[in-house]
Structure formats: structure tokens, C-alpha cells
């Protein structure tokens, strides 16, 4: 049977949340949460105050983003907020020359699709940021840690033209990478799915410096979906609170807190995975430097949610090579690079991951 590791469905942390079932249970009565409105006094009027408070609390706990004197906009996943951010920072006067959007390759494969599906006259996909040489305004998306290769990124456009930045920090959490600075960028995108694994709730949030930009992003969410489900917001607020309460009240070493659990799981998976890759001698996988993590206060490695594989010399197509092992990854061409690369998920359930490692260890160079 073919094993699909093409998608990034984050089910790996399910066992932890099963153990925390009682603490995370949310009961919503039939008459509750019926209004469109959550907080009429807030710029983002459809965001529940308790979710905003827990998001601020979480970032203060982890130390990965500055929230003081900034504005939070909630969305239906960070995918919607990505489009909202493009809308907010694009020139308001629609012309025949939409602003260029660029990202350094390899870039997240869905950026291009999310831009092109709108057929917008405000912005357009313009490809690899490192190749951008037009003397025209641009928007650069900086994804750090990067999807698909897990590397830390900085702006790369080398142009005298005026540029605006959107920082996608979906994976800037302790289980994936050392937290070595508190990000304070103008627009920062985060997502509940990558932080905790709850992709089905479709909750993302943006931390924004400029209130005018934040208002335009909220307008986009309002216009496209009339806000964000209160049921999802309630669940997200509860689960984030459970994480934060755990660290605030922790007095024993008998149980693991969430980020300790999830980081241990990612570390163990990467150790098994690298062993299988070395045994097969068919692929190379990205190596990451060790760095000090301010959250754990220790030197730590990077354990990305995806493995970015490159085939050895003599093999031209990593995706086809995996298919021979009945493993389906996402081909490098979708990330703006060539067929020697392929991305596979590290976040599946245990049985899926263990079977993938077994098949990879049996790979042989023909």
C-alpha cells in the first residue's frame, strides 16, 4: 500500500492531547456564542477576548514574539491571514500593475496557489526573492523556520525598490527549533495547527504593528467569512490555557509539559529518520546547526516538521525514487526547485512514521 506523506497533517501530538482529555474538554450550550460579534470595542470585533488573552500569554511564556503595543487579528488558519496580509499591504489604488510577491526558494508550495486563486489586480506571484531584480515595489514573504527545509530565513531581495515584509512564523515553536530571539516584525503570522497540532480548528493569528494594516486584515476576514468560528476560538483558547497553566503550576518532574513532550517526540523521530537515511545511502537530508534556546535555556538542535530530501548523485528524481518504496512525498518542483528534492512529513501518526522509516531503511541505490 502506498503511504502518503505529501500533506502536513499534524497528528503526531494526538497522544498527548488524549492524555489531557478532561482538562481540554469544552462544553458549549445551545444558546451560547450565537452572535457574530465577540468584542465590539476591539478592532478585530469577531475575536473572543479570552483567545486574545491566551495568545498573548502563550507568546510571553515561549518568548518567540513581541505582543506588547501590537494588534492581534484572528483568522481561519494562517492561510486566510496570508491573503489578508497581502491585501492589507498592497497599494490601495488598483492599477494594471499589481505589486510583485516574492519568496526565497525553496518556498512553501501553497503560497503561489493562494495568490493565483484570487486573480487579484492588487498583487501577483513573482517567484524567487533571490532572483528579483525589478525596480518596482514588492512584497517579500519571509518564512522562518522555512517550509519545506526547516532553515531560518531573513529577507533576501537585493533591490533599491520599496519593499514590504510579511513574516510567516508558523514553525517558530520550541519543539521545532531553538527560540533564540523574540520576533518583533511588522506582520507576523502564526497558526494553532503547527503550535499544538489542532489543524481541524482552523485558527491562525497575526501580530501586527500598524493598526491601519491590522484593520485592513480584519476587514478581509470579515468580507470573506464574516469572522471566525467562536466554537473554534473557544477550543483554541482552552487548549492554549492548558499549556500555559501547565508551566505556571508545574511543581513536579513526574509528567511532561506540552513543549517538552512534543520536542522529545520530534527529537526521537529525527534520530530514527536520520538512521534510516544513512542506512539507505540513497538520500541526503538537511543538517542544522545547534543553538541556544531561550525557552529551554539549553543548547538545542532543530527538528523540523518536514524532512527535505535530496537524492544522491546518479538519481535524478527523488519523488520517483520514493514512489518505488510506496512513499508519496511532495516533489521539489512545487517548491521552486528541481526534481532532485522532495518533502515528506514528519508529523503523521506513530504507525505511519514507523512504516516510513522502515521503508526508507530498505532503499537501495540502483
Protein backbone atom coordinates (compact mmCIF):
# COMPACT_ATOMS: atom_id res chain seq x y z
CA UNK A 1 0.00 0.00 0.00
CA UNK A 2 1.28 3.45 -0.93
CA UNK A 3 1.99 5.69 2.04
CA UNK A 4 1.12 9.37 1.54
CA UNK A 5 3.49 11.78 3.29
CA UNK A 6 2.61 14.56 0.89
CA UNK A 7 0.45 16.54 3.31
CA UNK A 8 1.45 18.16 6.58
CA UNK A 9 -1.46 16.90 8.69
CA UNK A 10 -0.05 17.38 12.25
CA UNK A 11 -1.37 14.29 14.03
CA UNK A 12 1.85 13.42 15.88
CA UNK A 13 0.81 15.14 19.12
CA UNK A 14 -2.54 13.38 19.36
CA UNK A 15 -1.41 11.01 22.11
CA UNK A 16 -0.55 13.93 24.37
CA UNK A 17 -3.95 15.55 23.95
CA UNK A 18 -5.68 12.24 24.54
CA UNK A 19 -3.96 12.10 27.93
CA UNK A 20 -5.17 15.66 28.60
CA UNK A 21 -8.74 14.96 27.52
CA UNK A 22 -10.50 16.09 30.69
CA UNK A 23 -8.51 19.30 31.05
CA UNK A 24 -9.15 20.28 27.41
CA UNK A 25 -12.83 19.44 27.19
CA UNK A 26 -15.05 22.37 26.18
CA UNK A 27 -18.82 22.35 26.72
CA UNK A 28 -20.89 24.85 24.70
CA UNK A 29 -24.59 25.16 25.45
CA UNK A 30 -27.06 25.56 22.61
CA UNK A 31 -27.83 29.20 23.37
CA UNK A 32 -24.21 30.32 23.73
CA UNK A 33 -21.98 32.01 21.12
CA UNK A 34 -24.84 32.83 18.76
CA UNK A 35 -23.85 36.38 17.79
CA UNK A 36 -21.49 37.40 15.02
CA UNK A 37 -19.87 39.78 17.49
CA UNK A 38 -17.36 38.96 20.20
CA UNK A 39 -15.95 42.32 21.28
CA UNK A 40 -17.41 45.41 19.62
CA UNK A 41 -14.78 47.62 21.25
CA UNK A 42 -11.94 45.72 19.58
CA UNK A 43 -10.59 46.48 16.12
CA UNK A 44 -10.90 42.71 15.44
CA UNK A 45 -14.51 42.59 16.64
CA UNK A 46 -15.01 38.87 15.92
CA UNK A 47 -12.11 37.73 18.14
CA UNK A 48 -13.03 36.42 21.58
CA UNK A 49 -11.25 38.39 24.32
CA UNK A 50 -10.22 35.15 26.05
CA UNK A 51 -8.46 33.94 22.89
CA UNK A 52 -6.57 37.23 22.56
CA UNK A 53 -5.51 36.99 26.21
CA UNK A 54 -4.30 33.39 25.87
CA UNK A 55 -2.38 34.16 22.67
CA UNK A 56 -0.56 36.98 24.44
CA UNK A 57 0.07 34.70 27.41
CA UNK A 58 1.47 31.94 25.19
CA UNK A 59 3.93 34.21 23.40
CA UNK A 60 5.04 35.69 26.71
CA UNK A 61 5.64 32.13 28.00
CA UNK A 62 7.61 30.94 24.96
CA UNK A 63 9.34 34.25 24.23
CA UNK A 64 9.04 33.87 20.46
CA UNK A 65 7.14 37.07 19.60
CA UNK A 66 6.52 40.53 21.00
CA UNK A 67 2.82 41.29 21.55
CA UNK A 68 3.10 44.49 23.61
CA UNK A 69 1.84 47.57 21.75
CA UNK A 70 0.80 45.38 18.81
CA UNK A 71 -2.55 44.28 17.42
CA UNK A 72 -3.80 40.71 17.07
CA UNK A 73 -6.04 39.60 14.21
CA UNK A 74 -7.56 36.12 14.27
CA UNK A 75 -8.29 34.23 11.06
CA UNK A 76 -9.43 30.90 9.68
CA UNK A 77 -5.93 29.46 9.79
CA UNK A 78 -2.82 31.38 8.79
CA UNK A 79 -3.67 30.69 5.13
CA UNK A 80 -6.51 33.20 5.26
CA UNK A 81 -4.33 35.65 7.16
CA UNK A 82 -1.63 35.34 4.49
CA UNK A 83 -4.10 36.57 1.89
CA UNK A 84 -5.37 39.20 4.32
CA UNK A 85 -1.82 40.49 4.84
CA UNK A 86 -1.23 40.73 1.09
CA UNK A 87 -4.48 42.68 0.76
CA UNK A 88 -3.52 44.98 3.62
CA UNK A 89 -0.04 45.96 2.40
CA UNK A 90 -0.78 46.17 -1.33
CA UNK A 91 -1.32 49.62 -2.86
CA UNK A 92 -4.93 50.68 -2.40
CA UNK A 93 -5.20 52.25 -5.86
CA UNK A 94 -5.89 49.28 -8.14
CA UNK A 95 -3.93 49.52 -11.38
CA UNK A 96 -2.82 47.39 -14.28
CA UNK A 97 0.45 46.78 -12.45
CA UNK A 98 -0.18 44.67 -9.34
CA UNK A 99 2.60 44.56 -6.77
CA UNK A 100 5.01 41.62 -7.01
CA UNK A 101 5.07 38.96 -4.26
CA UNK A 102 8.31 37.03 -3.87
CA UNK A 103 9.63 34.27 -1.58
CA UNK A 104 13.07 32.66 -1.46
CA UNK A 105 13.13 29.15 -2.95
CA UNK A 106 12.54 26.55 -1.78
CA UNK A 107 9.31 28.18 -0.68
CA UNK A 108 6.05 26.83 0.76
CA UNK A 109 4.23 25.27 -2.16
CA UNK A 110 0.83 26.80 -1.34
CA UNK A 111 1.92 30.45 -1.44
CA UNK A 112 1.70 30.54 -5.22
CA UNK A 113 -1.69 28.83 -5.24
CA UNK A 114 -3.09 31.14 -2.54
CA UNK A 115 -2.11 34.17 -4.63
CA UNK A 116 -3.13 32.90 -8.06
CA UNK A 117 -6.55 31.61 -6.97
CA UNK A 118 -7.68 35.18 -6.20
CA UNK A 119 -6.79 36.57 -9.66
CA UNK A 120 -6.18 39.84 -7.84
CA UNK A 121 -5.41 43.13 -9.56
CA UNK A 122 -3.63 44.23 -6.37
CA UNK A 123 -0.83 41.66 -6.18
CA UNK A 124 0.68 38.87 -8.25
CA UNK A 125 3.09 35.97 -7.83
CA UNK A 126 6.63 36.86 -8.96
CA UNK A 127 8.68 33.84 -7.84
CA UNK A 128 12.05 33.54 -6.12
CA UNK A 129 13.08 36.51 -3.97
CA UNK A 130 16.79 35.95 -4.65
CA UNK A 131 16.19 36.45 -8.40
CA UNK A 132 14.07 39.57 -8.09
CA UNK A 133 15.78 42.42 -9.95
CA UNK A 134 12.91 44.67 -11.00
CA UNK A 135 12.94 48.31 -9.95
CA UNK A 136 9.34 48.04 -8.80
CA UNK A 137 7.68 47.79 -5.36
CA UNK A 138 7.40 44.30 -3.96
CA UNK A 139 6.18 42.23 -1.02
CA UNK A 140 8.61 39.63 0.33
CA UNK A 141 7.35 36.74 2.44
CA UNK A 142 9.95 35.50 4.93
CA UNK A 143 9.18 32.02 6.25
CA UNK A 144 11.28 31.14 9.29
CA UNK A 145 11.75 28.33 10.09
CA UNK A 146 11.17 27.60 6.45
CA UNK A 147 8.74 25.13 4.94
CA UNK A 148 9.99 22.82 3.37
CA UNK A 149 13.62 22.75 4.56
CA UNK A 150 13.41 23.98 8.18
CA UNK A 151 16.12 26.61 7.80
CA UNK A 152 15.98 30.05 9.42
CA UNK A 153 15.36 32.82 6.93
CA UNK A 154 15.96 36.57 6.56
CA UNK A 155 14.87 38.95 3.77
CA UNK A 156 16.77 38.23 0.56
CA UNK A 157 15.61 40.73 -2.05
CA UNK A 158 18.52 42.82 -3.32
CA UNK A 159 16.72 45.75 -4.88
CA UNK A 160 16.55 49.51 -4.42
CA UNK A 161 12.80 49.35 -4.92
CA UNK A 162 10.44 49.83 -1.98
CA UNK A 163 9.60 46.52 -0.32
CA UNK A 164 7.25 45.33 2.40
CA UNK A 165 7.72 42.23 4.52
CA UNK A 166 5.39 39.54 5.83
CA UNK A 167 6.97 37.09 8.30
CA UNK A 168 5.40 33.64 8.39
CA UNK A 169 6.48 32.16 11.74
CA UNK A 170 4.19 29.13 11.74
CA UNK A 171 7.00 26.81 12.91
CA UNK A 172 8.74 29.15 15.35
CA UNK A 173 7.91 26.98 18.38
CA UNK A 174 10.27 25.13 20.76
CA UNK A 175 9.52 21.62 19.50
CA UNK A 176 10.80 22.52 16.02
CA UNK A 177 13.62 25.00 16.54
CA UNK A 178 15.59 26.80 19.26
CA UNK A 179 13.85 30.03 20.31
CA UNK A 180 16.82 32.37 20.10
CA UNK A 181 15.13 35.75 19.73
CA UNK A 182 11.80 37.43 20.41
CA UNK A 183 10.45 38.38 16.99
CA UNK A 184 9.09 41.90 16.65
CA UNK A 185 8.44 42.20 12.92
CA UNK A 186 5.72 44.41 11.43
CA UNK A 187 3.49 41.49 10.40
CA UNK A 188 3.91 38.02 11.94
CA UNK A 189 1.71 35.04 11.10
CA UNK A 190 1.16 32.12 13.49
CA UNK A 191 -1.13 29.11 13.41
CA UNK A 192 -2.76 26.92 16.04
CA UNK A 193 -2.25 23.84 13.84
CA UNK A 194 1.55 23.93 13.93
CA UNK A 195 1.80 25.04 17.55
CA UNK A 196 -0.42 22.33 19.08
CA UNK A 197 -1.41 20.06 16.17
CA UNK A 198 -5.07 21.14 16.07
CA UNK A 199 -5.30 21.77 12.33
CA UNK A 200 -9.02 20.99 12.21
CA UNK A 201 -9.90 24.02 14.33
CA UNK A 202 -8.69 26.36 11.54
CA UNK A 203 -7.35 29.04 13.85
CA UNK A 204 -4.49 31.36 13.00
CA UNK A 205 -3.47 34.76 14.23
CA UNK A 206 -1.42 37.71 13.04
CA UNK A 207 0.55 40.03 15.31
CA UNK A 208 0.65 43.42 13.60
CA UNK A 209 2.50 46.64 14.43
CA UNK A 210 0.44 49.14 12.41
CA UNK A 211 -3.23 49.50 13.39
CA UNK A 212 -4.16 50.55 9.83
CA UNK A 213 -2.73 47.29 8.46
CA UNK A 214 -4.44 45.29 11.22
CA UNK A 215 -7.79 46.93 10.41
CA UNK A 216 -7.44 46.07 6.72
CA UNK A 217 -6.59 42.47 7.58
CA UNK A 218 -9.65 42.26 9.84
CA UNK A 219 -11.74 43.71 7.01
CA UNK A 220 -10.51 40.97 4.67
CA UNK A 221 -11.51 38.25 7.16
CA UNK A 222 -14.86 39.96 7.72
CA UNK A 223 -15.56 40.28 4.00
CA UNK A 224 -14.56 36.73 3.10
CA UNK A 225 -16.00 34.71 6.00
CA UNK A 226 -17.78 37.18 8.34
CA UNK A 227 -15.28 36.45 11.05
CA UNK A 228 -14.06 33.24 12.66
CA UNK A 229 -15.99 30.44 14.35
CA UNK A 230 -16.47 31.12 18.06
CA UNK A 231 -16.51 27.38 18.75
CA UNK A 232 -13.03 27.07 17.27
CA UNK A 233 -11.82 30.14 19.13
CA UNK A 234 -13.18 28.77 22.41
CA UNK A 235 -11.40 25.45 21.90
CA UNK A 236 -8.15 27.15 20.95
CA UNK A 237 -8.30 29.44 23.99
CA UNK A 238 -8.91 26.45 26.28
CA UNK A 239 -6.05 24.37 24.90
CA UNK A 240 -3.59 27.27 24.96
CA UNK A 241 -4.65 27.93 28.55
CA UNK A 242 -3.94 24.30 29.45
CA UNK A 243 -0.42 24.64 28.01
CA UNK A 244 0.28 27.87 29.86
CA UNK A 245 -1.29 26.68 33.12
CA UNK A 246 0.93 23.62 32.99
CA UNK A 247 4.08 25.72 33.01
CA UNK A 248 2.72 28.17 35.56
CA UNK A 249 1.69 25.46 38.03
CA UNK A 250 4.34 22.85 37.30
CA UNK A 251 5.94 21.57 40.50
CA UNK A 252 6.89 18.00 39.65
CA UNK A 253 9.04 16.08 37.19
CA UNK A 254 6.57 13.22 37.06
CA UNK A 255 4.72 14.44 33.96
CA UNK A 256 5.81 16.18 30.77
CA UNK A 257 4.58 19.58 29.76
CA UNK A 258 3.48 20.08 26.18
CA UNK A 259 6.60 21.58 24.62
CA UNK A 260 8.84 19.10 26.43
CA UNK A 261 6.68 16.22 25.16
CA UNK A 262 6.46 17.48 21.60
CA UNK A 263 10.17 18.30 21.41
CA UNK A 264 11.12 14.86 22.75
CA UNK A 265 8.85 13.24 20.18
CA UNK A 266 10.37 15.27 17.33
CA UNK A 267 13.91 14.53 18.54
CA UNK A 268 13.26 10.77 18.71
CA UNK A 269 11.69 10.79 15.26
CA UNK A 270 14.57 12.66 13.71
CA UNK A 271 17.10 10.29 15.28
CA UNK A 272 15.27 7.30 13.79
CA UNK A 273 14.84 9.05 10.49
CA UNK A 274 18.48 10.03 10.11
CA UNK A 275 19.48 6.46 10.93
CA UNK A 276 17.27 5.16 8.13
CA UNK A 277 18.64 7.73 5.65
CA UNK A 278 22.25 6.84 6.49
CA UNK A 279 21.49 3.14 6.12
CA UNK A 280 19.86 3.55 2.72
CA UNK A 281 22.64 5.71 1.17
CA UNK A 282 20.11 6.99 -1.38
CA UNK A 283 19.21 10.42 0.03
CA UNK A 284 20.81 13.35 1.81
CA UNK A 285 18.90 15.33 4.40
CA UNK A 286 19.50 18.89 5.59
CA UNK A 287 21.80 19.27 8.59
CA UNK A 288 21.08 22.02 11.10
CA UNK A 289 23.39 23.90 13.49
CA UNK A 290 22.90 23.64 17.24
CA UNK A 291 21.87 26.84 19.01
CA UNK A 292 20.91 28.12 22.42
CA UNK A 293 17.17 28.08 23.11
CA UNK A 294 15.95 30.85 25.40
CA UNK A 295 12.83 28.88 26.24
CA UNK A 296 14.57 25.72 27.46
CA UNK A 297 17.80 27.51 28.42
CA UNK A 298 19.90 24.82 26.76
CA UNK A 299 21.77 24.16 23.53
CA UNK A 300 19.34 22.52 21.16
CA UNK A 301 19.04 21.12 17.67
CA UNK A 302 16.38 21.80 15.05
CA UNK A 303 13.68 19.17 14.46
CA UNK A 304 11.53 20.41 11.56
CA UNK A 305 8.05 19.10 10.85
CA UNK A 306 9.18 18.14 7.34
CA UNK A 307 12.23 16.33 6.01
CA UNK A 308 13.74 17.92 2.91
CA UNK A 309 15.47 15.16 0.98
CA UNK A 310 17.90 15.35 -1.91
CA UNK A 311 18.81 12.25 -3.87
CA UNK A 312 22.40 11.13 -4.27
CA UNK A 313 24.39 11.61 -7.47
CA UNK A 314 23.11 9.40 -10.25
CA UNK A 315 19.45 9.71 -9.20
CA UNK A 316 17.56 12.46 -10.97
CA UNK A 317 14.13 12.37 -9.33
CA UNK A 318 13.68 11.95 -5.57
CA UNK A 319 9.91 11.80 -5.84
CA UNK A 320 10.04 8.86 -8.25
CA UNK A 321 12.62 7.16 -6.06
CA UNK A 322 10.28 7.38 -3.07
CA UNK A 323 7.38 6.09 -5.16
CA UNK A 324 9.32 2.89 -5.72
CA UNK A 325 9.21 2.48 -1.93
CA UNK A 326 5.46 3.18 -1.97
CA UNK A 327 6.06 6.53 -0.26
CA UNK A 328 4.40 9.61 -1.70
CA UNK A 329 6.18 12.90 -0.95
CA UNK A 330 5.76 16.35 -2.45
CA UNK A 331 8.06 16.96 -5.38
CA UNK A 332 10.69 19.70 -5.36
CA UNK A 333 9.27 21.49 -8.41
CA UNK A 334 6.29 22.63 -6.32
CA UNK A 335 8.70 24.46 -4.02
CA UNK A 336 10.51 26.27 -6.82
CA UNK A 337 13.50 23.91 -7.12
CA UNK A 338 14.35 20.86 -9.23
CA UNK A 339 13.30 17.21 -9.10
CA UNK A 340 16.30 16.14 -7.04
CA UNK A 341 14.40 17.34 -3.97
CA UNK A 342 11.31 16.02 -2.23
CA UNK A 343 9.49 16.89 1.01
CA UNK A 344 7.97 14.33 3.36
CA UNK A 345 6.02 14.91 6.56
CA UNK A 346 7.41 14.05 10.00
CA UNK A 347 4.09 14.72 11.75
CA UNK A 348 1.99 11.66 10.96
CA UNK A 349 0.73 9.14 13.49
CA UNK A 350 3.26 6.73 15.03
CA UNK A 351 2.36 3.74 12.83
CA UNK A 352 2.66 5.84 9.70
CA UNK A 353 6.00 7.28 10.72
CA UNK A 354 7.48 3.92 11.76
CA UNK A 355 6.42 2.33 8.47
CA UNK A 356 8.01 5.20 6.53
CA UNK A 357 11.31 4.75 8.42
CA UNK A 358 11.23 1.00 7.73
CA UNK A 359 10.72 1.53 4.01
CA UNK A 360 13.43 4.19 3.80
CA UNK A 361 15.96 1.97 5.56
CA UNK A 362 15.38 -0.65 2.85
CA UNK A 363 16.04 1.80 -0.01
CA UNK A 364 18.95 0.85 -2.20
CA UNK A 365 20.73 2.75 -4.92
CA UNK A 366 20.23 1.01 -8.25
